[in-house]
C-alpha cells in the first residue's frame, strides 16, 4: 500500500501519532543548534591540525561505521519535537545538552581520524591501546578506580574496547579546556595522552590516507517507524535479569502494623522516581532507562510486600539514593553495561 506524504504540520502530532511515522519520512536537515555544534567540532579539529573534513549525517543513533570517515548523529538532535519524543521514550536525550553533545562528537571524530590516517595499523598504537581486531563485547565490566584510562564519556567507556580507549583518549586531547597534562599527572593514562599528542603532531596538516564518507544506514533509508525504533531501543537497554530487593527495601520500609499510618513504599518511591534516576545516572553513567527498570522492580516488589515508610522521609530519600547506586553498580559490575557507541 502506498504511504501518504507526511503532514506538513507533523510537529503538532501527539506522541502516539508521531510514533507511527517512518524514520525515512522525517523531513530533517542538519541546521541550527546541531549545525553550530558540528562547526565548533570542526574548529577544534582545525586548531589541532587535523586537515580533513569529517562528514556528518543523520541516522538512528550515534556511531562511526568501521573504516569510515563519516559520523552518524541521531535524528532527534535535528529537531526539538523529536528530542521531546526521545525523552518521553527513553527518559533522557543523549547528547541533548551542549557539553554532552560535544563530548560525544569529539569521541566519534576520534574514530574517524583513526580510520582516515589508518592509525590502527601502527605498531605502537596497537601496543599502547591494544589490538583493534579484538571482538567487541556486548557487555563490559569497568574498573571505576583504574587510572590506566582517561575519563571522558560516562561509565568508564574507555575500558570497553581498545578502539574506544583510543577515541576517548583522542577526545580528551582535543578538548580545548581539558588541561590533560595536569589532570592526568601521575596516571598511567598520561602516557597514552602523550603518545596521542605526538601522534597528532606527526599527521598535522597532512591529507588523510582514506576518505570514505559514505553514509551507512542514513535516516532517509530507514523504513522502520519511530515506534519500532523505540521498541527495539528499550529492549536493548532494559534489564535482562531483574531481581528482588527484599533485604534492601526492608532497611527503609516495613510491613509492621506500627507503620500502618505511613505512606506506602510504592507511593514514596513513585514520588522520588524521576529525580532519583537522574541522580544515580549522573553518578554511575548508566542509562536512565535502565535505572528506571530497577526502580520499577522495586516499586512492584514493595507493593507485593505491602511495605510502608519506616524512617523519616529525608532519611529515606538519602539512604535510598545510596541503595539504588549500589544496585546500579552491582548491575554494572555483573557485566551488564552494554557497549553503546
C-alpha atoms as a PDB file:
ATOM      1  CA  UNK A   1       0.000   0.000   0.000  1.00  0.00           C
ATOM      2  CA  UNK A   2       1.338   3.391  -0.957  1.00  0.00           C
ATOM      3  CA  UNK A   3       2.140   5.617   2.006  1.00  0.00           C
ATOM      4  CA  UNK A   4       0.777   9.137   2.151  1.00  0.00           C
ATOM      5  CA  UNK A   5       3.283  12.012   2.449  1.00  0.00           C
ATOM      6  CA  UNK A   6       3.988  13.178   5.973  1.00  0.00           C
ATOM      7  CA  UNK A   7       1.781  16.072   7.019  1.00  0.00           C
ATOM      8  CA  UNK A   8       3.461  19.474   6.919  1.00  0.00           C
ATOM      9  CA  UNK A   9       2.291  20.044  10.499  1.00  0.00           C
ATOM     10  CA  UNK A  10       3.895  16.803  11.741  1.00  0.00           C
ATOM     11  CA  UNK A  11       5.484  18.670  14.661  1.00  0.00           C
ATOM     12  CA  UNK A  12       1.976  19.107  16.087  1.00  0.00           C
ATOM     13  CA  UNK A  13       1.246  15.373  16.144  1.00  0.00           C
ATOM     14  CA  UNK A  14       0.874  13.837  19.588  1.00  0.00           C
ATOM     15  CA  UNK A  15       3.360  11.154  20.587  1.00  0.00           C
ATOM     16  CA  UNK A  16       1.116   8.236  19.623  1.00  0.00           C
ATOM     17  CA  UNK A  17       0.624   9.555  16.093  1.00  0.00           C
ATOM     18  CA  UNK A  18       4.266  10.552  15.719  1.00  0.00           C
ATOM     19  CA  UNK A  19       5.434   7.077  16.701  1.00  0.00           C
ATOM     20  CA  UNK A  20       3.737   5.682  13.585  1.00  0.00           C
ATOM     21  CA  UNK A  21       5.827   7.886  11.281  1.00  0.00           C
ATOM     22  CA  UNK A  22       8.570   6.136   9.338  1.00  0.00           C
ATOM     23  CA  UNK A  23      12.015   7.474  10.096  1.00  0.00           C
ATOM     24  CA  UNK A  24      12.740   7.896   6.394  1.00  0.00           C
ATOM     25  CA  UNK A  25       9.771  10.238   6.097  1.00  0.00           C
ATOM     26  CA  UNK A  26      11.049  12.737   8.666  1.00  0.00           C
ATOM     27  CA  UNK A  27      11.964  15.979   6.801  1.00  0.00           C
ATOM     28  CA  UNK A  28      15.151  16.723   8.717  1.00  0.00           C
ATOM     29  CA  UNK A  29      18.332  18.615   7.913  1.00  0.00           C
ATOM     30  CA  UNK A  30      21.462  19.377   9.916  1.00  0.00           C
ATOM     31  CA  UNK A  31      20.930  23.018  10.787  1.00  0.00           C
ATOM     32  CA  UNK A  32      20.501  25.418  13.689  1.00  0.00           C
ATOM     33  CA  UNK A  33      21.897  24.308  17.045  1.00  0.00           C
ATOM     34  CA  UNK A  34      23.187  20.988  15.745  1.00  0.00           C
ATOM     35  CA  UNK A  35      25.000  22.669  12.840  1.00  0.00           C
ATOM     36  CA  UNK A  36      26.620  25.121  15.276  1.00  0.00           C
ATOM     37  CA  UNK A  37      27.911  22.258  17.407  1.00  0.00           C
ATOM     38  CA  UNK A  38      29.370  20.496  14.366  1.00  0.00           C
ATOM     39  CA  UNK A  39      31.063  23.725  13.325  1.00  0.00           C
ATOM     40  CA  UNK A  40      32.580  24.024  16.787  1.00  0.00           C
ATOM     41  CA  UNK A  41      33.922  20.488  16.467  1.00  0.00           C
ATOM     42  CA  UNK A  42      35.419  21.295  13.063  1.00  0.00           C
ATOM     43  CA  UNK A  43      37.100  24.378  14.538  1.00  0.00           C
ATOM     44  CA  UNK A  44      38.625  22.246  17.281  1.00  0.00           C
ATOM     45  CA  UNK A  45      39.938  19.775  14.693  1.00  0.00           C
ATOM     46  CA  UNK A  46      41.410  22.652  12.681  1.00  0.00           C
ATOM     47  CA  UNK A  47      43.103  24.009  15.798  1.00  0.00           C
ATOM     48  CA  UNK A  48      44.566  20.556  16.390  1.00  0.00           C
ATOM     49  CA  UNK A  49      45.961  20.428  12.864  1.00  0.00           C
ATOM     50  CA  UNK A  50      43.588  17.683  11.685  1.00  0.00           C
ATOM     51  CA  UNK A  51      43.362  18.505   7.993  1.00  0.00           C
ATOM     52  CA  UNK A  52      40.358  16.612   6.750  1.00  0.00           C
ATOM     53  CA  UNK A  53      36.640  17.359   6.854  1.00  0.00           C
ATOM     54  CA  UNK A  54      34.739  14.830   8.964  1.00  0.00           C
ATOM     55  CA  UNK A  55      31.392  14.139   7.273  1.00  0.00           C
ATOM     56  CA  UNK A  56      28.296  14.115   9.494  1.00  0.00           C
ATOM     57  CA  UNK A  57      24.887  12.732   8.618  1.00  0.00           C
ATOM     58  CA  UNK A  58      21.652  11.812  10.384  1.00  0.00           C
ATOM     59  CA  UNK A  59      20.812   8.253  11.400  1.00  0.00           C
ATOM     60  CA  UNK A  60      19.063   6.496  14.270  1.00  0.00           C
ATOM     61  CA  UNK A  61      21.976   6.500  16.739  1.00  0.00           C
ATOM     62  CA  UNK A  62      25.484   7.808  17.385  1.00  0.00           C
ATOM     63  CA  UNK A  63      28.107   5.740  15.584  1.00  0.00           C
ATOM     64  CA  UNK A  64      31.096   5.847  13.250  1.00  0.00           C
ATOM     65  CA  UNK A  65      30.971   2.968  10.753  1.00  0.00           C
ATOM     66  CA  UNK A  66      34.026   0.734  10.754  1.00  0.00           C
ATOM     67  CA  UNK A  67      36.648   2.107   8.366  1.00  0.00           C
ATOM     68  CA  UNK A  68      34.581   5.220   7.680  1.00  0.00           C
ATOM     69  CA  UNK A  69      35.468   8.908   7.922  1.00  0.00           C
ATOM     70  CA  UNK A  70      31.783   9.759   8.422  1.00  0.00           C
ATOM     71  CA  UNK A  71      29.960  10.122  11.730  1.00  0.00           C
ATOM     72  CA  UNK A  72      26.269   9.329  12.248  1.00  0.00           C
ATOM     73  CA  UNK A  73      24.365  11.723  14.504  1.00  0.00           C
ATOM     74  CA  UNK A  74      20.993  10.711  15.992  1.00  0.00           C
ATOM     75  CA  UNK A  75      17.977  12.217  14.263  1.00  0.00           C
ATOM     76  CA  UNK A  76      16.391  13.594  17.431  1.00  0.00           C
ATOM     77  CA  UNK A  77      19.133  16.225  17.728  1.00  0.00           C
ATOM     78  CA  UNK A  78      17.923  17.779  14.472  1.00  0.00           C
ATOM     79  CA  UNK A  79      14.552  18.921  15.837  1.00  0.00           C
ATOM     80  CA  UNK A  80      13.254  19.858  19.308  1.00  0.00           C
ATOM     81  CA  UNK A  81       9.983  17.949  18.755  1.00  0.00           C
ATOM     82  CA  UNK A  82      11.935  14.732  18.244  1.00  0.00           C
ATOM     83  CA  UNK A  83      14.151  15.492  21.241  1.00  0.00           C
ATOM     84  CA  UNK A  84      10.987  15.662  23.348  1.00  0.00           C
ATOM     85  CA  UNK A  85       9.852  12.317  21.954  1.00  0.00           C
ATOM     86  CA  UNK A  86      13.260  10.805  22.734  1.00  0.00           C
ATOM     87  CA  UNK A  87      12.994  11.980  26.332  1.00  0.00           C
ATOM     88  CA  UNK A  88       9.465  10.642  26.641  1.00  0.00           C
ATOM     89  CA  UNK A  89      10.534   7.245  25.308  1.00  0.00           C
ATOM     90  CA  UNK A  90      13.993   6.880  26.863  1.00  0.00           C
ATOM     91  CA  UNK A  91      13.802   9.309  29.830  1.00  0.00           C
ATOM     92  CA  UNK A  92      16.786  11.327  28.607  1.00  0.00           C
ATOM     93  CA  UNK A  93      18.224  12.839  25.421  1.00  0.00           C
ATOM     94  CA  UNK A  94      21.727  11.508  24.859  1.00  0.00           C
ATOM     95  CA  UNK A  95      23.815  14.428  23.622  1.00  0.00           C
ATOM     96  CA  UNK A  96      20.978  16.890  24.072  1.00  0.00           C
ATOM     97  CA  UNK A  97      22.932  19.292  26.255  1.00  0.00           C
ATOM     98  CA  UNK A  98      25.730  21.261  24.607  1.00  0.00           C
ATOM     99  CA  UNK A  99      28.685  19.884  26.567  1.00  0.00           C
ATOM    100  CA  UNK A 100      27.340  16.329  26.431  1.00  0.00           C
ATOM    101  CA  UNK A 101      26.959  16.599  22.671  1.00  0.00           C
ATOM    102  CA  UNK A 102      30.478  17.982  22.247  1.00  0.00           C
ATOM    103  CA  UNK A 103      31.951  15.135  24.302  1.00  0.00           C
ATOM    104  CA  UNK A 104      30.305  12.569  22.043  1.00  0.00           C
ATOM    105  CA  UNK A 105      31.304  14.444  18.875  1.00  0.00           C
ATOM    106  CA  UNK A 106      34.939  14.545  19.973  1.00  0.00           C
ATOM    107  CA  UNK A 107      34.814  10.827  20.734  1.00  0.00           C
ATOM    108  CA  UNK A 108      33.284   9.921  17.380  1.00  0.00           C
ATOM    109  CA  UNK A 109      35.702  12.175  15.495  1.00  0.00           C
ATOM    110  CA  UNK A 110      38.496  10.188  17.168  1.00  0.00           C
ATOM    111  CA  UNK A 111      37.234   7.076  15.390  1.00  0.00           C
ATOM    112  CA  UNK A 112      37.067   8.986  12.094  1.00  0.00           C
ATOM    113  CA  UNK A 113      40.650  10.273  12.479  1.00  0.00           C
ATOM    114  CA  UNK A 114      41.807   6.756  13.351  1.00  0.00           C
ATOM    115  CA  UNK A 115      40.229   5.478  10.122  1.00  0.00           C
ATOM    116  CA  UNK A 116      41.302   8.398   7.913  1.00  0.00           C
ATOM    117  CA  UNK A 117      45.004   8.074   8.720  1.00  0.00           C
ATOM    118  CA  UNK A 118      44.968   4.299   9.196  1.00  0.00           C
ATOM    119  CA  UNK A 119      46.469   4.778  12.628  1.00  0.00           C
ATOM    120  CA  UNK A 120      45.304   1.375  13.842  1.00  0.00           C
ATOM    121  CA  UNK A 121      47.954  -0.197  11.593  1.00  0.00           C
ATOM    122  CA  UNK A 122      50.760   1.447  13.546  1.00  0.00           C
ATOM    123  CA  UNK A 123      52.557  -0.982  15.804  1.00  0.00           C
ATOM    124  CA  UNK A 124      52.971   1.462  18.682  1.00  0.00           C
ATOM    125  CA  UNK A 125      49.297   2.419  18.563  1.00  0.00           C
ATOM    126  CA  UNK A 126      48.386  -1.258  18.868  1.00  0.00           C
ATOM    127  CA  UNK A 127      50.908  -1.788  21.665  1.00  0.00           C
ATOM    128  CA  UNK A 128      49.624   1.163  23.732  1.00  0.00           C
ATOM    129  CA  UNK A 129      45.883   0.748  23.211  1.00  0.00           C
ATOM    130  CA  UNK A 130      45.565  -2.924  22.309  1.00  0.00           C
ATOM    131  CA  UNK A 131      44.542  -4.688  19.140  1.00  0.00           C
ATOM    132  CA  UNK A 132      41.619  -3.167  17.189  1.00  0.00           C
ATOM    133  CA  UNK A 133      40.916  -6.710  15.991  1.00  0.00           C
ATOM    134  CA  UNK A 134      39.695  -7.725  19.435  1.00  0.00           C
ATOM    135  CA  UNK A 135      35.981  -8.563  19.115  1.00  0.00           C
ATOM    136  CA  UNK A 136      33.612  -6.009  20.561  1.00  0.00           C
ATOM    137  CA  UNK A 137      31.839  -7.320  23.649  1.00  0.00           C
ATOM    138  CA  UNK A 138      28.105  -6.919  24.026  1.00  0.00           C
ATOM    139  CA  UNK A 139      28.718  -6.049  27.676  1.00  0.00           C
ATOM    140  CA  UNK A 140      31.725  -4.857  29.643  1.00  0.00           C
ATOM    141  CA  UNK A 141      32.671  -4.672  33.307  1.00  0.00           C
ATOM    142  CA  UNK A 142      34.558  -1.454  34.110  1.00  0.00           C
ATOM    143  CA  UNK A 143      37.001  -0.853  36.949  1.00  0.00           C
ATOM    144  CA  UNK A 144      35.956   2.588  38.220  1.00  0.00           C
ATOM    145  CA  UNK A 145      39.190   3.265  40.114  1.00  0.00           C
ATOM    146  CA  UNK A 146      41.585   2.361  37.305  1.00  0.00           C
ATOM    147  CA  UNK A 147      43.962   5.150  36.295  1.00  0.00           C
ATOM    148  CA  UNK A 148      45.042   3.424  33.119  1.00  0.00           C
ATOM    149  CA  UNK A 149      42.229   5.050  31.181  1.00  0.00           C
ATOM    150  CA  UNK A 150      41.036   8.610  30.657  1.00  0.00           C
ATOM    151  CA  UNK A 151      37.637   9.709  31.937  1.00  0.00           C
ATOM    152  CA  UNK A 152      35.511  11.342  29.261  1.00  0.00           C
ATOM    153  CA  UNK A 153      32.186   9.709  28.460  1.00  0.00           C
ATOM    154  CA  UNK A 154      30.197   8.202  31.298  1.00  0.00           C
ATOM    155  CA  UNK A 155      30.500   4.667  32.638  1.00  0.00           C
ATOM    156  CA  UNK A 156      34.284   4.494  32.141  1.00  0.00           C
ATOM    157  CA  UNK A 157      33.704   3.861  28.457  1.00  0.00           C
ATOM    158  CA  UNK A 158      37.414   3.827  27.530  1.00  0.00           C
ATOM    159  CA  UNK A 159      37.601   0.421  29.222  1.00  0.00           C
ATOM    160  CA  UNK A 160      35.137  -1.255  26.877  1.00  0.00           C
ATOM    161  CA  UNK A 161      37.453  -1.883  23.874  1.00  0.00           C
ATOM    162  CA  UNK A 162      40.877  -0.747  22.544  1.00  0.00           C
ATOM    163  CA  UNK A 163      39.235   1.363  19.833  1.00  0.00           C
ATOM    164  CA  UNK A 164      37.078   3.112  22.431  1.00  0.00           C
ATOM    165  CA  UNK A 165      40.155   3.688  24.574  1.00  0.00           C
ATOM    166  CA  UNK A 166      41.789   5.367  21.556  1.00  0.00           C
ATOM    167  CA  UNK A 167      38.732   7.502  20.768  1.00  0.00           C
ATOM    168  CA  UNK A 168      38.297   8.559  24.403  1.00  0.00           C
ATOM    169  CA  UNK A 169      41.971   9.496  24.687  1.00  0.00           C
ATOM    170  CA  UNK A 170      41.712  11.488  21.453  1.00  0.00           C
ATOM    171  CA  UNK A 171      38.619  13.282  22.779  1.00  0.00           C
ATOM    172  CA  UNK A 172      40.421  14.346  25.969  1.00  0.00           C
ATOM    173  CA  UNK A 173      43.409  15.500  23.907  1.00  0.00           C
ATOM    174  CA  UNK A 174      41.132  17.503  21.570  1.00  0.00           C
ATOM    175  CA  UNK A 175      39.060  19.215  24.286  1.00  0.00           C
ATOM    176  CA  UNK A 176      40.299  22.836  24.463  1.00  0.00           C
ATOM    177  CA  UNK A 177      39.916  23.162  28.252  1.00  0.00           C
ATOM    178  CA  UNK A 178      40.926  19.655  29.343  1.00  0.00           C
ATOM    179  CA  UNK A 179      44.396  20.574  30.707  1.00  0.00           C
ATOM    180  CA  UNK A 180      45.177  16.905  30.362  1.00  0.00           C
ATOM    181  CA  UNK A 181      48.815  17.118  31.451  1.00  0.00           C
ATOM    182  CA  UNK A 182      47.804  18.443  34.862  1.00  0.00           C
ATOM    183  CA  UNK A 183      44.577  16.431  35.143  1.00  0.00           C
ATOM    184  CA  UNK A 184      46.289  13.081  34.497  1.00  0.00           C
ATOM    185  CA  UNK A 185      49.656  13.745  36.127  1.00  0.00           C
ATOM    186  CA  UNK A 186      50.799  10.545  37.828  1.00  0.00           C
ATOM    187  CA  UNK A 187      48.240   8.385  35.999  1.00  0.00           C
ATOM    188  CA  UNK A 188      49.389   5.584  33.629  1.00  0.00           C
ATOM    189  CA  UNK A 189      46.809   7.117  31.228  1.00  0.00           C
ATOM    190  CA  UNK A 190      49.119  10.121  30.815  1.00  0.00           C
ATOM    191  CA  UNK A 191      51.419   8.005  28.636  1.00  0.00           C
ATOM    192  CA  UNK A 192      48.510   7.396  26.287  1.00  0.00           C
ATOM    193  CA  UNK A 193      47.790  11.124  26.095  1.00  0.00           C
ATOM    194  CA  UNK A 194      51.439  11.939  25.460  1.00  0.00           C
ATOM    195  CA  UNK A 195      51.511   9.352  22.702  1.00  0.00           C
ATOM    196  CA  UNK A 196      48.300  10.830  21.260  1.00  0.00           C
ATOM    197  CA  UNK A 197      49.864  14.293  21.288  1.00  0.00           C
ATOM    198  CA  UNK A 198      52.929  13.034  19.415  1.00  0.00           C
ATOM    199  CA  UNK A 199      50.760  11.026  17.020  1.00  0.00           C
ATOM    200  CA  UNK A 200      48.588  14.032  16.144  1.00  0.00           C
ATOM    201  CA  UNK A 201      51.681  16.193  15.598  1.00  0.00           C
ATOM    202  CA  UNK A 202      53.003  13.551  13.203  1.00  0.00           C
ATOM    203  CA  UNK A 203      49.925  13.891  10.957  1.00  0.00           C
ATOM    204  CA  UNK A 204      49.452  17.633  11.446  1.00  0.00           C
ATOM    205  CA  UNK A 205      48.467  19.290   8.170  1.00  0.00           C
ATOM    206  CA  UNK A 206      48.744  16.047   6.208  1.00  0.00           C
ATOM    207  CA  UNK A 207      45.939  14.842   3.922  1.00  0.00           C
ATOM    208  CA  UNK A 208      44.144  11.677   5.014  1.00  0.00           C
ATOM    209  CA  UNK A 209      45.132   8.328   3.552  1.00  0.00           C
ATOM    210  CA  UNK A 210      41.482   7.273   3.388  1.00  0.00           C
ATOM    211  CA  UNK A 211      38.358   9.295   2.601  1.00  0.00           C
ATOM    212  CA  UNK A 212      35.366   7.045   2.971  1.00  0.00           C
ATOM    213  CA  UNK A 213      32.460   9.365   3.710  1.00  0.00           C
ATOM    214  CA  UNK A 214      29.683   7.052   2.561  1.00  0.00           C
ATOM    215  CA  UNK A 215      26.548   7.175   4.721  1.00  0.00           C
ATOM    216  CA  UNK A 216      25.778   3.868   6.439  1.00  0.00           C
ATOM    217  CA  UNK A 217      22.134   3.493   7.457  1.00  0.00           C
ATOM    218  CA  UNK A 218      21.247   7.139   6.846  1.00  0.00           C
ATOM    219  CA  UNK A 219      17.893   8.345   8.093  1.00  0.00           C
ATOM    220  CA  UNK A 220      16.479   8.651   4.573  1.00  0.00           C
ATOM    221  CA  UNK A 221      16.819   4.863   4.118  1.00  0.00           C
ATOM    222  CA  UNK A 222      15.407   3.716   7.449  1.00  0.00           C
ATOM    223  CA  UNK A 223      11.961   2.254   6.754  1.00  0.00           C
ATOM    224  CA  UNK A 224      11.111   1.367  10.345  1.00  0.00           C
ATOM    225  CA  UNK A 225       8.677   3.528  12.254  1.00  0.00           C
ATOM    226  CA  UNK A 226       9.638   5.508  15.311  1.00  0.00           C
ATOM    227  CA  UNK A 227       7.529   3.067  17.321  1.00  0.00           C
ATOM    228  CA  UNK A 228       9.589   0.113  16.072  1.00  0.00           C
ATOM    229  CA  UNK A 229      12.810   2.034  16.702  1.00  0.00           C
ATOM    230  CA  UNK A 230      11.968   2.775  20.328  1.00  0.00           C
ATOM    231  CA  UNK A 231      10.612  -0.691  20.993  1.00  0.00           C
ATOM    232  CA  UNK A 232      13.985  -2.123  19.937  1.00  0.00           C
ATOM    233  CA  UNK A 233      15.940   0.511  21.832  1.00  0.00           C
ATOM    234  CA  UNK A 234      14.073  -0.025  25.087  1.00  0.00           C
ATOM    235  CA  UNK A 235      14.527  -3.776  24.762  1.00  0.00           C
ATOM    236  CA  UNK A 236      18.261  -3.251  24.270  1.00  0.00           C
ATOM    237  CA  UNK A 237      18.703  -1.060  27.336  1.00  0.00           C
ATOM    238  CA  UNK A 238      16.261  -2.891  29.585  1.00  0.00           C
ATOM    239  CA  UNK A 239      17.138  -5.357  32.307  1.00  0.00           C
ATOM    240  CA  UNK A 240      17.875  -8.887  31.203  1.00  0.00           C
ATOM    241  CA  UNK A 241      17.642 -10.367  34.695  1.00  0.00           C
ATOM    242  CA  UNK A 242      15.517  -8.263  37.045  1.00  0.00           C
ATOM    243  CA  UNK A 243      15.876  -9.293  40.670  1.00  0.00           C
ATOM    244  CA  UNK A 244      14.247  -8.923  44.028  1.00  0.00           C
ATOM    245  CA  UNK A 245      15.432  -6.394  46.557  1.00  0.00           C
ATOM    246  CA  UNK A 246      13.664  -7.527  49.734  1.00  0.00           C
ATOM    247  CA  UNK A 247      16.574  -7.109  52.155  1.00  0.00           C
ATOM    248  CA  UNK A 248      17.476  -3.646  50.835  1.00  0.00           C
ATOM    249  CA  UNK A 249      13.887  -2.445  50.826  1.00  0.00           C
ATOM    250  CA  UNK A 250      13.334  -3.545  54.411  1.00  0.00           C
ATOM    251  CA  UNK A 251      16.109  -1.214  55.578  1.00  0.00           C
ATOM    252  CA  UNK A 252      13.793   1.724  54.899  1.00  0.00           C
ATOM    253  CA  UNK A 253      10.325   0.218  54.742  1.00  0.00           C
ATOM    254  CA  UNK A 254       8.321  -2.225  56.814  1.00  0.00           C
ATOM    255  CA  UNK A 255       5.090  -4.204  56.789  1.00  0.00           C
ATOM    256  CA  UNK A 256       4.824  -3.938  60.599  1.00  0.00           C
ATOM    257  CA  UNK A 257       1.423  -2.728  61.884  1.00  0.00           C
ATOM    258  CA  UNK A 258       3.078   0.141  63.783  1.00  0.00           C
ATOM    259  CA  UNK A 259       3.744   1.884  60.425  1.00  0.00           C
ATOM    260  CA  UNK A 260       0.237   1.343  59.045  1.00  0.00           C
ATOM    261  CA  UNK A 261      -0.452   5.068  59.066  1.00  0.00           C
ATOM    262  CA  UNK A 262       2.607   5.946  56.985  1.00  0.00           C
ATOM    263  CA  UNK A 263       2.805   6.427  53.229  1.00  0.00           C
ATOM    264  CA  UNK A 264       3.324   3.208  51.299  1.00  0.00           C
ATOM    265  CA  UNK A 265       6.798   2.440  49.980  1.00  0.00           C
ATOM    266  CA  UNK A 266       5.366   2.194  46.463  1.00  0.00           C
ATOM    267  CA  UNK A 267       3.898   5.709  46.724  1.00  0.00           C
ATOM    268  CA  UNK A 268       7.120   7.130  48.165  1.00  0.00           C
ATOM    269  CA  UNK A 269       9.340   5.558  45.508  1.00  0.00           C
ATOM    270  CA  UNK A 270       6.978   6.657  42.743  1.00  0.00           C
ATOM    271  CA  UNK A 271       7.191  10.232  44.049  1.00  0.00           C
ATOM    272  CA  UNK A 272      11.016  10.327  44.002  1.00  0.00           C
ATOM    273  CA  UNK A 273      11.431   8.131  40.927  1.00  0.00           C
ATOM    274  CA  UNK A 274      12.345  10.833  38.413  1.00  0.00           C
ATOM    275  CA  UNK A 275      14.909  12.832  40.435  1.00  0.00           C
ATOM    276  CA  UNK A 276      16.412   9.616  41.807  1.00  0.00           C
ATOM    277  CA  UNK A 277      17.057   8.014  38.413  1.00  0.00           C
ATOM    278  CA  UNK A 278      18.655  11.271  37.194  1.00  0.00           C
ATOM    279  CA  UNK A 279      20.856  11.473  40.266  1.00  0.00           C
ATOM    280  CA  UNK A 280      22.070   7.884  40.077  1.00  0.00           C
ATOM    281  CA  UNK A 281      22.525   8.035  36.306  1.00  0.00           C
ATOM    282  CA  UNK A 282      24.753  11.065  36.806  1.00  0.00           C
ATOM    283  CA  UNK A 283      26.805   9.206  39.410  1.00  0.00           C
ATOM    284  CA  UNK A 284      27.169   5.937  37.513  1.00  0.00           C
ATOM    285  CA  UNK A 285      26.790   6.813  33.823  1.00  0.00           C
ATOM    286  CA  UNK A 286      24.177   4.090  33.394  1.00  0.00           C
ATOM    287  CA  UNK A 287      21.230   4.912  31.148  1.00  0.00           C
ATOM    288  CA  UNK A 288      18.296   6.449  32.997  1.00  0.00           C
ATOM    289  CA  UNK A 289      16.045   3.940  31.263  1.00  0.00           C
ATOM    290  CA  UNK A 290      17.984   1.024  32.761  1.00  0.00           C
ATOM    291  CA  UNK A 291      17.933   2.561  36.246  1.00  0.00           C
ATOM    292  CA  UNK A 292      14.214   3.194  35.857  1.00  0.00           C
ATOM    293  CA  UNK A 293      13.714  -0.524  35.278  1.00  0.00           C
ATOM    294  CA  UNK A 294      15.403  -1.220  38.633  1.00  0.00           C
ATOM    295  CA  UNK A 295      13.115   1.357  40.242  1.00  0.00           C
ATOM    296  CA  UNK A 296      10.065  -0.208  38.615  1.00  0.00           C
ATOM    297  CA  UNK A 297      11.038  -3.610  40.019  1.00  0.00           C
ATOM    298  CA  UNK A 298      11.500  -2.100  43.477  1.00  0.00           C
ATOM    299  CA  UNK A 299       8.130  -0.357  43.376  1.00  0.00           C
ATOM    300  CA  UNK A 300       6.392  -3.551  42.275  1.00  0.00           C
ATOM    301  CA  UNK A 301       8.134  -5.595  44.960  1.00  0.00           C
ATOM    302  CA  UNK A 302       7.291  -3.003  47.627  1.00  0.00           C
ATOM    303  CA  UNK A 303       3.670  -3.244  46.614  1.00  0.00           C
ATOM    304  CA  UNK A 304       3.728  -7.047  46.772  1.00  0.00           C
ATOM    305  CA  UNK A 305       5.252  -6.946  50.280  1.00  0.00           C
ATOM    306  CA  UNK A 306       2.856  -4.199  51.397  1.00  0.00           C
ATOM    307  CA  UNK A 307       5.721  -2.122  52.724  1.00  0.00           C
ATOM    308  CA  UNK A 308       5.334   1.323  54.275  1.00  0.00           C
ATOM    309  CA  UNK A 309       7.829   4.034  55.124  1.00  0.00           C
ATOM    310  CA  UNK A 310       9.567   3.203  58.425  1.00  0.00           C
ATOM    311  CA  UNK A 311      12.007   6.135  58.739  1.00  0.00           C
ATOM    312  CA  UNK A 312      11.718   9.928  58.220  1.00  0.00           C
ATOM    313  CA  UNK A 313      11.246  10.880  54.555  1.00  0.00           C
ATOM    314  CA  UNK A 314      14.504  12.835  54.227  1.00  0.00           C
ATOM    315  CA  UNK A 315      16.478   9.968  55.707  1.00  0.00           C
ATOM    316  CA  UNK A 316      14.708   7.542  53.362  1.00  0.00           C
ATOM    317  CA  UNK A 317      15.485   9.747  50.373  1.00  0.00           C
ATOM    318  CA  UNK A 318      19.190   9.953  51.205  1.00  0.00           C
ATOM    319  CA  UNK A 319      19.608   6.302  52.062  1.00  0.00           C
ATOM    320  CA  UNK A 320      17.623   5.152  49.055  1.00  0.00           C
ATOM    321  CA  UNK A 321      19.938   7.146  46.764  1.00  0.00           C
ATOM    322  CA  UNK A 322      22.840   5.126  48.158  1.00  0.00           C
ATOM    323  CA  UNK A 323      20.881   1.884  47.903  1.00  0.00           C
ATOM    324  CA  UNK A 324      19.935   2.495  44.282  1.00  0.00           C
ATOM    325  CA  UNK A 325      23.501   3.476  43.414  1.00  0.00           C
ATOM    326  CA  UNK A 326      24.788   0.232  44.898  1.00  0.00           C
ATOM    327  CA  UNK A 327      22.229  -1.750  42.890  1.00  0.00           C
ATOM    328  CA  UNK A 328      23.191   0.120  39.715  1.00  0.00           C
ATOM    329  CA  UNK A 329      26.893  -0.518  40.336  1.00  0.00           C
ATOM    330  CA  UNK A 330      26.190  -4.181  41.037  1.00  0.00           C
ATOM    331  CA  UNK A 331      24.411  -4.329  37.697  1.00  0.00           C
ATOM    332  CA  UNK A 332      27.350  -2.639  36.003  1.00  0.00           C
ATOM    333  CA  UNK A 333      29.936  -4.913  37.638  1.00  0.00           C
ATOM    334  CA  UNK A 334      27.947  -8.027  36.821  1.00  0.00           C
ATOM    335  CA  UNK A 335      28.829  -7.408  33.179  1.00  0.00           C
ATOM    336  CA  UNK A 336      25.524  -5.807  32.420  1.00  0.00           C
ATOM    337  CA  UNK A 337      26.626  -2.477  30.984  1.00  0.00           C
ATOM    338  CA  UNK A 338      26.223  -2.547  27.246  1.00  0.00           C
ATOM    339  CA  UNK A 339      28.654  -1.157  24.708  1.00  0.00           C
ATOM    340  CA  UNK A 340      26.577   1.538  23.046  1.00  0.00           C
ATOM    341  CA  UNK A 341      28.742   3.561  20.646  1.00  0.00           C
END
